[in-house]
Amino acid sequence: MQAPYQFRSFSIEELFGQVWQTGSINRQHQRRLKRALLDRNMNPDERAAVDRMLHAVRRGWLKLKR
């Protein structure tokens, strides 16, 4: 089984929870999402979590902070 993708001990699951708790994606979150999308070793669950966050931004459920 593949280990979850980590951003310096910051997993996709933690990022997902933090983003939904705050209701927004800040610059740091954006950088982490970008790195995750460029990584080809994400498992399907992690990929689905990233896709859900991006979909939520498009729908207006999550805000982008600049």
C-alpha atoms as a PDB file:
ATOM      1  CA  MET A   1       0.000   0.000   0.000  1.00  0.00           C
ATOM      2  CA  GLN A   2       1.261   3.432  -0.921  1.00  0.00           C
ATOM      3  CA  ALA A   3       1.884   6.001   1.797  1.00  0.00           C
ATOM      4  CA  PRO A   4      -0.258   9.154   1.638  1.00  0.00           C
ATOM      5  CA  TYR A   5       1.247  12.114  -0.170  1.00  0.00           C
ATOM      6  CA  GLN A   6       2.960  14.437   2.296  1.00  0.00           C
ATOM      7  CA  PHE A   7       3.823  18.124   2.062  1.00  0.00           C
ATOM      8  CA  ARG A   8       6.494  18.277   4.727  1.00  0.00           C
ATOM      9  CA  SER A   9       4.359  16.198   7.096  1.00  0.00           C
ATOM     10  CA  PHE A  10       1.161  17.864   5.834  1.00  0.00           C
ATOM     11  CA  SER A  11      -1.133  15.346   4.175  1.00  0.00           C
ATOM     12  CA  ILE A  12      -3.883  15.899   1.650  1.00  0.00           C
ATOM     13  CA  GLU A  13      -6.384  14.776   4.284  1.00  0.00           C
ATOM     14  CA  GLU A  14      -5.200  17.463   6.709  1.00  0.00           C
ATOM     15  CA  LEU A  15      -5.285  20.077   3.963  1.00  0.00           C
ATOM     16  CA  PHE A  16      -8.807  19.016   2.992  1.00  0.00           C
ATOM     17  CA  GLY A  17     -10.030  19.300   6.590  1.00  0.00           C
ATOM     18  CA  GLN A  18      -8.367  22.659   7.131  1.00  0.00           C
ATOM     19  CA  VAL A  19      -9.769  24.115   3.913  1.00  0.00           C
ATOM     20  CA  TRP A  20     -13.325  22.993   4.666  1.00  0.00           C
ATOM     21  CA  GLN A  21     -13.086  24.172   8.259  1.00  0.00           C
ATOM     22  CA  THR A  22     -12.056  27.685   7.208  1.00  0.00           C
ATOM     23  CA  GLY A  23     -14.203  27.788   4.077  1.00  0.00           C
ATOM     24  CA  SER A  24     -11.358  29.230   2.041  1.00  0.00           C
ATOM     25  CA  ILE A  25      -8.107  28.389   0.287  1.00  0.00           C
ATOM     26  CA  ASN A  26      -5.207  30.731   1.021  1.00  0.00           C
ATOM     27  CA  ARG A  27      -1.930  31.115  -0.899  1.00  0.00           C
ATOM     28  CA  GLN A  28      -0.189  28.404   1.112  1.00  0.00           C
ATOM     29  CA  HIS A  29      -3.033  25.964   0.429  1.00  0.00           C
ATOM     30  CA  GLN A  30      -2.871  26.876  -3.259  1.00  0.00           C
ATOM     31  CA  ARG A  31       0.840  26.071  -3.384  1.00  0.00           C
ATOM     32  CA  ARG A  32       0.260  22.721  -1.692  1.00  0.00           C
ATOM     33  CA  LEU A  33      -2.542  21.851  -4.085  1.00  0.00           C
ATOM     34  CA  LYS A  34      -0.330  22.768  -7.027  1.00  0.00           C
ATOM     35  CA  ARG A  35       2.452  20.514  -5.749  1.00  0.00           C
ATOM     36  CA  ALA A  36      -0.034  17.703  -5.209  1.00  0.00           C
ATOM     37  CA  LEU A  37      -1.378  18.027  -8.755  1.00  0.00           C
ATOM     38  CA  LEU A  38       2.137  17.893 -10.183  1.00  0.00           C
ATOM     39  CA  ASP A  39       2.952  14.750  -8.212  1.00  0.00           C
ATOM     40  CA  ARG A  40       2.270  11.549 -10.095  1.00  0.00           C
ATOM     41  CA  ASN A  41       2.327   9.356  -6.973  1.00  0.00           C
ATOM     42  CA  MET A  42      -1.026  10.398  -5.491  1.00  0.00           C
ATOM     43  CA  ASN A  43      -3.402   7.586  -4.731  1.00  0.00           C
ATOM     44  CA  PRO A  44      -7.008   7.738  -6.034  1.00  0.00           C
ATOM     45  CA  ASP A  45      -8.416   8.928  -2.678  1.00  0.00           C
ATOM     46  CA  GLU A  46      -5.987  11.841  -2.519  1.00  0.00           C
ATOM     47  CA  ARG A  47      -6.713  12.743  -6.130  1.00  0.00           C
ATOM     48  CA  ALA A  48     -10.451  12.707  -5.390  1.00  0.00           C
ATOM     49  CA  ALA A  49      -9.948  15.032  -2.383  1.00  0.00           C
ATOM     50  CA  VAL A  50      -8.012  17.523  -4.523  1.00  0.00           C
ATOM     51  CA  ASP A  51     -10.680  17.321  -7.230  1.00  0.00           C
ATOM     52  CA  ARG A  52     -13.413  17.950  -4.627  1.00  0.00           C
ATOM     53  CA  MET A  53     -11.655  21.076  -3.366  1.00  0.00           C
ATOM     54  CA  LEU A  54     -11.197  22.459  -6.883  1.00  0.00           C
ATOM     55  CA  HIS A  55     -14.826  21.697  -7.722  1.00  0.00           C
ATOM     56  CA  ALA A  56     -15.944  23.489  -4.546  1.00  0.00           C
ATOM     57  CA  VAL A  57     -13.992  26.590  -5.597  1.00  0.00           C
ATOM     58  CA  ARG A  58     -15.634  26.566  -9.025  1.00  0.00           C
ATOM     59  CA  ARG A  59     -19.086  26.224  -7.438  1.00  0.00           C
ATOM     60  CA  GLY A  60     -18.417  29.021  -4.937  1.00  0.00           C
ATOM     61  CA  TRP A  61     -18.545  26.784  -1.854  1.00  0.00           C
ATOM     62  CA  LEU A  62     -14.926  27.640  -1.034  1.00  0.00           C
ATOM     63  CA  LYS A  63     -13.408  31.087  -1.435  1.00  0.00           C
ATOM     64  CA  LEU A  64      -9.927  31.917  -2.704  1.00  0.00           C
ATOM     65  CA  LYS A  65      -7.959  34.301  -0.506  1.00  0.00           C
ATOM     66  CA  ARG A  66      -5.220  36.258  -2.175  1.00  0.00           C
END
